[in-house]
N, C-alpha and C. Protein backbone atom coordinates (compact mmCIF):
# COMPACT_ATOMS: atom_id res chain seq x y z
N MET A 1 -55.06 -42.96 -10.32
CA MET A 1 -55.54 -42.33 -11.53
C MET A 1 -55.19 -43.19 -12.74
N GLU A 2 -56.10 -43.25 -13.70
CA GLU A 2 -55.89 -44.05 -14.89
C GLU A 2 -55.96 -43.18 -16.14
N LYS A 3 -55.36 -43.69 -17.20
CA LYS A 3 -55.48 -43.04 -18.50
C LYS A 3 -55.79 -44.09 -19.54
N ALA A 4 -56.48 -43.66 -20.57
CA ALA A 4 -56.82 -44.56 -21.68
C ALA A 4 -55.69 -44.57 -22.69
N ILE A 5 -55.34 -45.75 -23.17
CA ILE A 5 -54.35 -45.84 -24.25
C ILE A 5 -55.00 -46.27 -25.55
N GLY A 6 -56.33 -46.44 -25.52
CA GLY A 6 -57.05 -46.81 -26.73
C GLY A 6 -58.21 -45.87 -26.98
N LEU A 7 -58.55 -45.71 -28.25
CA LEU A 7 -59.70 -44.91 -28.65
C LEU A 7 -60.52 -45.75 -29.63
N HIS A 8 -61.81 -45.86 -29.35
CA HIS A 8 -62.71 -46.68 -30.17
C HIS A 8 -63.82 -45.79 -30.69
N ILE A 9 -63.92 -45.66 -32.00
CA ILE A 9 -64.94 -44.84 -32.64
C ILE A 9 -65.87 -45.77 -33.41
N LEU A 10 -67.16 -45.68 -33.13
CA LEU A 10 -68.18 -46.44 -33.84
C LEU A 10 -69.06 -45.44 -34.57
N ALA A 11 -69.35 -45.70 -35.83
CA ALA A 11 -70.19 -44.77 -36.59
C ALA A 11 -71.10 -45.53 -37.54
N ASP A 12 -72.36 -45.14 -37.53
CA ASP A 12 -73.31 -45.60 -38.54
C ASP A 12 -73.50 -44.45 -39.50
N LEU A 13 -73.17 -44.68 -40.76
CA LEU A 13 -73.22 -43.65 -41.78
C LEU A 13 -74.45 -43.89 -42.65
N HIS A 14 -75.39 -42.97 -42.59
CA HIS A 14 -76.66 -43.09 -43.32
C HIS A 14 -76.64 -42.19 -44.55
N GLY A 15 -77.41 -42.57 -45.55
CA GLY A 15 -77.53 -41.75 -46.75
C GLY A 15 -76.31 -41.82 -47.65
N VAL A 16 -75.60 -42.93 -47.59
CA VAL A 16 -74.41 -43.12 -48.43
C VAL A 16 -74.87 -43.59 -49.81
N GLU A 17 -74.25 -43.05 -50.84
CA GLU A 17 -74.54 -43.47 -52.21
C GLU A 17 -74.28 -44.98 -52.32
N PRO A 18 -75.29 -45.78 -52.68
CA PRO A 18 -75.13 -47.23 -52.71
C PRO A 18 -73.95 -47.73 -53.54
N ALA A 19 -73.64 -47.08 -54.64
CA ALA A 19 -72.53 -47.52 -55.49
C ALA A 19 -71.18 -47.45 -54.76
N LEU A 20 -71.07 -46.62 -53.73
CA LEU A 20 -69.82 -46.48 -52.99
C LEU A 20 -69.57 -47.63 -52.01
N ILE A 21 -70.64 -48.36 -51.65
CA ILE A 21 -70.50 -49.37 -50.60
C ILE A 21 -71.03 -50.75 -51.00
N ASP A 22 -71.28 -50.95 -52.28
CA ASP A 22 -71.86 -52.21 -52.73
C ASP A 22 -70.82 -53.28 -53.02
N ARG A 23 -69.67 -52.89 -53.57
CA ARG A 23 -68.68 -53.86 -54.05
C ARG A 23 -67.50 -53.98 -53.10
N VAL A 24 -67.04 -55.20 -52.92
CA VAL A 24 -65.92 -55.45 -52.03
C VAL A 24 -64.67 -54.69 -52.48
N GLN A 25 -64.49 -54.49 -53.79
CA GLN A 25 -63.32 -53.76 -54.27
C GLN A 25 -63.31 -52.32 -53.73
N ASP A 26 -64.48 -51.70 -53.67
CA ASP A 26 -64.56 -50.33 -53.17
C ASP A 26 -64.31 -50.27 -51.66
N ILE A 27 -64.84 -51.26 -50.95
CA ILE A 27 -64.64 -51.32 -49.50
C ILE A 27 -63.16 -51.55 -49.19
N ARG A 28 -62.53 -52.43 -49.94
CA ARG A 28 -61.10 -52.70 -49.76
C ARG A 28 -60.29 -51.42 -49.96
N HIS A 29 -60.56 -50.72 -51.05
CA HIS A 29 -59.83 -49.49 -51.34
C HIS A 29 -60.04 -48.45 -50.23
N LEU A 30 -61.28 -48.34 -49.76
CA LEU A 30 -61.60 -47.39 -48.70
C LEU A 30 -60.80 -47.67 -47.43
N LEU A 31 -60.84 -48.90 -46.94
CA LEU A 31 -60.15 -49.21 -45.68
C LEU A 31 -58.63 -49.18 -45.84
N GLU A 32 -58.12 -49.72 -46.94
CA GLU A 32 -56.66 -49.73 -47.13
C GLU A 32 -56.12 -48.30 -47.24
N THR A 33 -56.87 -47.42 -47.88
CA THR A 33 -56.44 -46.03 -47.97
C THR A 33 -56.55 -45.34 -46.61
N ALA A 34 -57.58 -45.64 -45.85
CA ALA A 34 -57.72 -45.06 -44.51
C ALA A 34 -56.52 -45.43 -43.64
N VAL A 35 -56.05 -46.65 -43.76
CA VAL A 35 -54.87 -47.10 -43.01
C VAL A 35 -53.67 -46.23 -43.38
N LYS A 36 -53.48 -45.99 -44.67
CA LYS A 36 -52.34 -45.18 -45.12
C LYS A 36 -52.48 -43.72 -44.69
N VAL A 37 -53.67 -43.16 -44.87
CA VAL A 37 -53.91 -41.75 -44.50
C VAL A 37 -53.63 -41.52 -43.02
N ALA A 38 -54.01 -42.49 -42.18
CA ALA A 38 -53.85 -42.34 -40.73
C ALA A 38 -52.50 -42.82 -40.22
N SER A 39 -51.63 -43.27 -41.11
CA SER A 39 -50.30 -43.79 -40.74
C SER A 39 -50.40 -44.93 -39.73
N LEU A 40 -51.32 -45.86 -39.99
CA LEU A 40 -51.49 -47.03 -39.14
C LEU A 40 -50.67 -48.19 -39.71
N THR A 41 -50.51 -49.25 -38.91
CA THR A 41 -49.66 -50.37 -39.28
C THR A 41 -50.52 -51.60 -39.57
N LYS A 42 -50.68 -51.92 -40.85
CA LYS A 42 -51.49 -53.06 -41.25
C LYS A 42 -50.75 -54.37 -41.00
N ILE A 43 -51.48 -55.33 -40.41
CA ILE A 43 -50.96 -56.69 -40.24
C ILE A 43 -51.57 -57.60 -41.31
N SER A 44 -52.90 -57.56 -41.43
CA SER A 44 -53.59 -58.36 -42.45
C SER A 44 -54.98 -57.78 -42.67
N SER A 45 -55.69 -58.34 -43.64
CA SER A 45 -57.06 -57.88 -43.90
C SER A 45 -57.87 -59.02 -44.50
N HIS A 46 -59.19 -58.89 -44.40
CA HIS A 46 -60.09 -59.86 -44.99
C HIS A 46 -61.36 -59.14 -45.42
N TYR A 47 -61.88 -59.51 -46.59
CA TYR A 47 -63.07 -58.87 -47.15
C TYR A 47 -64.01 -59.94 -47.69
N HIS A 48 -65.30 -59.61 -47.71
CA HIS A 48 -66.30 -60.55 -48.22
C HIS A 48 -67.38 -59.79 -48.98
N GLN A 49 -67.74 -60.32 -50.15
CA GLN A 49 -68.83 -59.77 -50.96
C GLN A 49 -70.11 -60.53 -50.66
N PHE A 50 -71.18 -59.81 -50.32
CA PHE A 50 -72.48 -60.44 -50.13
C PHE A 50 -73.27 -60.38 -51.42
N GLN A 51 -74.23 -61.30 -51.57
CA GLN A 51 -75.10 -61.31 -52.74
C GLN A 51 -76.54 -61.15 -52.28
N PRO A 52 -77.32 -60.30 -52.84
CA PRO A 52 -77.01 -59.56 -54.05
C PRO A 52 -76.30 -58.23 -53.80
N HIS A 53 -76.24 -57.77 -52.53
CA HIS A 53 -75.68 -56.45 -52.26
C HIS A 53 -74.82 -56.48 -51.00
N GLY A 54 -73.86 -55.57 -50.97
CA GLY A 54 -73.13 -55.30 -49.75
C GLY A 54 -71.81 -56.03 -49.62
N ALA A 55 -71.02 -55.52 -48.70
CA ALA A 55 -69.70 -56.08 -48.45
C ALA A 55 -69.33 -55.82 -47.00
N THR A 56 -68.35 -56.57 -46.53
CA THR A 56 -67.81 -56.37 -45.20
C THR A 56 -66.31 -56.51 -45.28
N GLY A 57 -65.63 -55.85 -44.37
CA GLY A 57 -64.18 -55.94 -44.38
C GLY A 57 -63.59 -55.55 -43.04
N ILE A 58 -62.42 -56.12 -42.77
CA ILE A 58 -61.69 -55.78 -41.55
C ILE A 58 -60.21 -55.72 -41.86
N VAL A 59 -59.55 -54.75 -41.26
CA VAL A 59 -58.10 -54.65 -41.34
C VAL A 59 -57.56 -54.80 -39.93
N LEU A 60 -56.76 -55.83 -39.73
CA LEU A 60 -56.09 -56.04 -38.46
C LEU A 60 -54.86 -55.14 -38.43
N LEU A 61 -54.75 -54.37 -37.37
CA LEU A 61 -53.66 -53.41 -37.23
C LEU A 61 -52.77 -53.77 -36.05
N ALA A 62 -51.54 -53.33 -36.07
CA ALA A 62 -50.70 -53.43 -34.88
C ALA A 62 -51.37 -52.62 -33.76
N GLU A 63 -52.09 -51.55 -34.14
CA GLU A 63 -52.77 -50.69 -33.18
C GLU A 63 -54.14 -51.22 -32.77
N SER A 64 -54.75 -52.12 -33.49
CA SER A 64 -56.01 -52.82 -33.23
C SER A 64 -56.70 -53.15 -34.53
N HIS A 65 -57.77 -52.38 -34.96
CA HIS A 65 -58.47 -52.76 -36.19
C HIS A 65 -59.34 -51.63 -36.75
N LEU A 66 -59.67 -51.78 -38.03
CA LEU A 66 -60.70 -50.99 -38.72
C LEU A 66 -61.65 -51.99 -39.34
N SER A 67 -62.96 -51.70 -39.32
CA SER A 67 -63.90 -52.59 -39.99
C SER A 67 -65.07 -51.81 -40.55
N ILE A 68 -65.75 -52.44 -41.52
CA ILE A 68 -66.94 -51.84 -42.12
C ILE A 68 -67.89 -52.97 -42.53
N HIS A 69 -69.16 -52.71 -42.39
CA HIS A 69 -70.21 -53.62 -42.87
C HIS A 69 -71.23 -52.74 -43.56
N THR A 70 -71.66 -53.14 -44.76
CA THR A 70 -72.51 -52.24 -45.55
C THR A 70 -73.85 -52.87 -45.93
N TRP A 71 -74.83 -51.99 -46.06
CA TRP A 71 -76.16 -52.31 -46.57
C TRP A 71 -76.49 -51.27 -47.64
N PRO A 72 -75.97 -51.44 -48.87
CA PRO A 72 -76.19 -50.43 -49.90
C PRO A 72 -77.67 -50.21 -50.22
N GLU A 73 -78.48 -51.25 -50.08
CA GLU A 73 -79.91 -51.09 -50.35
C GLU A 73 -80.58 -50.13 -49.36
N HIS A 74 -79.89 -49.84 -48.24
CA HIS A 74 -80.39 -48.88 -47.25
C HIS A 74 -79.50 -47.64 -47.18
N GLY A 75 -78.46 -47.58 -48.00
CA GLY A 75 -77.52 -46.46 -47.95
C GLY A 75 -76.79 -46.37 -46.62
N LEU A 76 -76.50 -47.53 -46.01
CA LEU A 76 -75.96 -47.58 -44.65
C LEU A 76 -74.62 -48.31 -44.61
N ALA A 77 -73.69 -47.74 -43.86
CA ALA A 77 -72.40 -48.38 -43.59
C ALA A 77 -72.10 -48.22 -42.11
N SER A 78 -71.77 -49.32 -41.45
CA SER A 78 -71.35 -49.28 -40.05
C SER A 78 -69.83 -49.44 -40.01
N VAL A 79 -69.17 -48.48 -39.35
CA VAL A 79 -67.72 -48.41 -39.35
C VAL A 79 -67.22 -48.47 -37.91
N ASP A 80 -66.12 -49.17 -37.72
CA ASP A 80 -65.51 -49.36 -36.41
C ASP A 80 -64.02 -49.06 -36.55
N VAL A 81 -63.52 -48.09 -35.77
CA VAL A 81 -62.10 -47.76 -35.77
C VAL A 81 -61.62 -47.83 -34.32
N PHE A 82 -60.71 -48.76 -34.05
CA PHE A 82 -60.16 -48.91 -32.70
C PHE A 82 -58.65 -48.89 -32.82
N THR A 83 -58.02 -47.93 -32.16
CA THR A 83 -56.56 -47.85 -32.16
C THR A 83 -56.05 -47.58 -30.76
N CYS A 84 -54.86 -48.06 -30.50
CA CYS A 84 -54.13 -47.74 -29.28
C CYS A 84 -52.98 -46.83 -29.67
N GLY A 85 -52.55 -46.02 -28.73
CA GLY A 85 -51.48 -45.08 -29.02
C GLY A 85 -52.05 -43.72 -29.34
N ASP A 86 -51.59 -43.11 -30.38
CA ASP A 86 -51.97 -41.75 -30.75
C ASP A 86 -53.44 -41.70 -31.19
N PRO A 87 -54.32 -41.05 -30.41
CA PRO A 87 -55.74 -40.99 -30.78
C PRO A 87 -55.99 -40.24 -32.08
N ALA A 88 -55.09 -39.38 -32.47
CA ALA A 88 -55.26 -38.63 -33.72
C ALA A 88 -55.34 -39.57 -34.91
N LYS A 89 -54.69 -40.72 -34.83
CA LYS A 89 -54.72 -41.68 -35.94
C LYS A 89 -56.12 -42.26 -36.13
N ALA A 90 -56.79 -42.56 -35.02
CA ALA A 90 -58.17 -43.07 -35.12
C ALA A 90 -59.08 -42.02 -35.73
N TYR A 91 -58.94 -40.78 -35.28
CA TYR A 91 -59.77 -39.70 -35.83
C TYR A 91 -59.48 -39.47 -37.31
N ARG A 92 -58.20 -39.54 -37.71
CA ARG A 92 -57.86 -39.36 -39.13
C ARG A 92 -58.46 -40.46 -39.99
N ALA A 93 -58.39 -41.70 -39.52
CA ALA A 93 -58.95 -42.82 -40.29
C ALA A 93 -60.46 -42.65 -40.45
N MET A 94 -61.15 -42.34 -39.35
CA MET A 94 -62.60 -42.18 -39.43
C MET A 94 -62.97 -40.98 -40.29
N GLU A 95 -62.26 -39.90 -40.16
CA GLU A 95 -62.57 -38.71 -40.97
C GLU A 95 -62.40 -39.00 -42.45
N TYR A 96 -61.36 -39.74 -42.80
CA TYR A 96 -61.17 -40.10 -44.21
C TYR A 96 -62.35 -40.93 -44.71
N ILE A 97 -62.78 -41.91 -43.94
CA ILE A 97 -63.90 -42.76 -44.34
C ILE A 97 -65.17 -41.94 -44.50
N ILE A 98 -65.44 -41.06 -43.54
CA ILE A 98 -66.64 -40.21 -43.60
C ILE A 98 -66.59 -39.29 -44.82
N GLN A 99 -65.45 -38.65 -45.05
CA GLN A 99 -65.34 -37.77 -46.21
C GLN A 99 -65.50 -38.53 -47.52
N SER A 100 -64.98 -39.75 -47.57
CA SER A 100 -65.06 -40.55 -48.79
C SER A 100 -66.48 -41.00 -49.09
N LEU A 101 -67.27 -41.27 -48.05
CA LEU A 101 -68.61 -41.80 -48.24
C LEU A 101 -69.70 -40.72 -48.24
N SER A 102 -69.39 -39.53 -47.76
CA SER A 102 -70.32 -38.39 -47.76
C SER A 102 -71.73 -38.74 -47.27
N PRO A 103 -71.85 -39.28 -46.06
CA PRO A 103 -73.18 -39.62 -45.56
C PRO A 103 -74.01 -38.37 -45.30
N THR A 104 -75.32 -38.53 -45.33
CA THR A 104 -76.21 -37.41 -45.00
C THR A 104 -76.46 -37.33 -43.50
N ARG A 105 -76.23 -38.43 -42.78
CA ARG A 105 -76.37 -38.44 -41.32
C ARG A 105 -75.32 -39.38 -40.74
N ILE A 106 -74.77 -38.98 -39.60
CA ILE A 106 -73.75 -39.78 -38.92
C ILE A 106 -74.19 -39.98 -37.47
N ASP A 107 -74.31 -41.23 -37.06
CA ASP A 107 -74.53 -41.57 -35.66
C ASP A 107 -73.21 -42.12 -35.15
N LYS A 108 -72.53 -41.33 -34.29
CA LYS A 108 -71.17 -41.69 -33.89
C LYS A 108 -71.05 -41.73 -32.37
N GLN A 109 -70.29 -42.71 -31.89
CA GLN A 109 -69.96 -42.82 -30.48
C GLN A 109 -68.45 -42.97 -30.36
N VAL A 110 -67.87 -42.34 -29.34
CA VAL A 110 -66.43 -42.40 -29.11
C VAL A 110 -66.20 -42.88 -27.68
N PHE A 111 -65.34 -43.89 -27.55
CA PHE A 111 -65.05 -44.47 -26.25
C PHE A 111 -63.56 -44.49 -25.98
N ASP A 112 -63.17 -44.12 -24.78
CA ASP A 112 -61.80 -44.37 -24.32
C ASP A 112 -61.74 -45.83 -23.92
N ARG A 113 -60.65 -46.51 -24.27
CA ARG A 113 -60.49 -47.95 -23.97
C ARG A 113 -59.09 -48.21 -23.44
N ALA A 114 -58.91 -49.38 -22.88
CA ALA A 114 -57.60 -49.87 -22.44
C ALA A 114 -56.97 -48.94 -21.41
N PHE A 115 -57.55 -48.90 -20.24
CA PHE A 115 -57.07 -48.01 -19.18
C PHE A 115 -55.86 -48.62 -18.45
N ILE A 116 -54.90 -47.76 -18.19
CA ILE A 116 -53.70 -48.15 -17.44
C ILE A 116 -53.45 -47.06 -16.40
N PRO A 117 -52.63 -47.37 -15.39
CA PRO A 117 -52.30 -46.33 -14.40
C PRO A 117 -51.57 -45.17 -15.07
N SER A 118 -51.91 -43.95 -14.68
CA SER A 118 -51.24 -42.80 -15.28
C SER A 118 -49.92 -42.51 -14.58
N SER A 119 -49.73 -43.02 -13.36
CA SER A 119 -48.45 -42.84 -12.68
C SER A 119 -47.57 -44.04 -12.97
N SER A 120 -46.35 -44.00 -12.49
CA SER A 120 -45.44 -45.12 -12.71
C SER A 120 -45.61 -46.19 -11.64
N GLY A 121 -46.65 -46.07 -10.81
CA GLY A 121 -46.90 -47.05 -9.75
C GLY A 121 -47.25 -48.42 -10.29
N ASP A 122 -47.25 -49.38 -9.40
CA ASP A 122 -47.56 -50.76 -9.75
C ASP A 122 -49.05 -50.90 -10.03
N PHE A 123 -49.41 -51.41 -11.19
CA PHE A 123 -50.80 -51.57 -11.60
C PHE A 123 -51.56 -52.46 -10.61
N ARG A 124 -50.91 -53.50 -10.09
CA ARG A 124 -51.59 -54.41 -9.16
C ARG A 124 -52.00 -53.68 -7.89
N SER A 125 -51.21 -52.71 -7.45
CA SER A 125 -51.57 -51.98 -6.23
C SER A 125 -52.81 -51.12 -6.44
N ILE A 126 -53.01 -50.64 -7.66
CA ILE A 126 -54.21 -49.86 -7.96
C ILE A 126 -55.43 -50.78 -7.94
N LEU A 127 -55.29 -51.98 -8.51
CA LEU A 127 -56.42 -52.91 -8.57
C LEU A 127 -56.86 -53.37 -7.18
N ILE A 128 -55.91 -53.63 -6.29
CA ILE A 128 -56.27 -54.16 -4.97
C ILE A 128 -56.27 -53.10 -3.89
N GLY A 129 -55.96 -51.86 -4.27
CA GLY A 129 -56.02 -50.75 -3.32
C GLY A 129 -54.92 -50.74 -2.29
N VAL A 130 -53.75 -51.26 -2.62
CA VAL A 130 -52.62 -51.29 -1.66
C VAL A 130 -51.82 -50.01 -1.78
């Protein structure tokens, strides 16, 4: 038997007010605050402003990462939250982002990731069936 130690949430947020996702400063504030709200551990981050519109950003976490890519001219933001450990942290980060951007439609997928044996048995024995 296996259990997931990672949770990966992907969401396309439609109908977002363009002014909320056009500037890199706003994207930075959004992701950095999501990290704090979810009690995640930031390692580093990188952001980029596109011309004439849009921004992208990623926060590298001890738990994995948060990222966003925006198309303000379409009112669209694609968000990626992947964390290992407490799944509630991934949900808190994504919920904060969704509440902050107030999309009119959300296309979301949730995946369990990083499977390990749920018993204390040897992982190699599970892989080779010993």
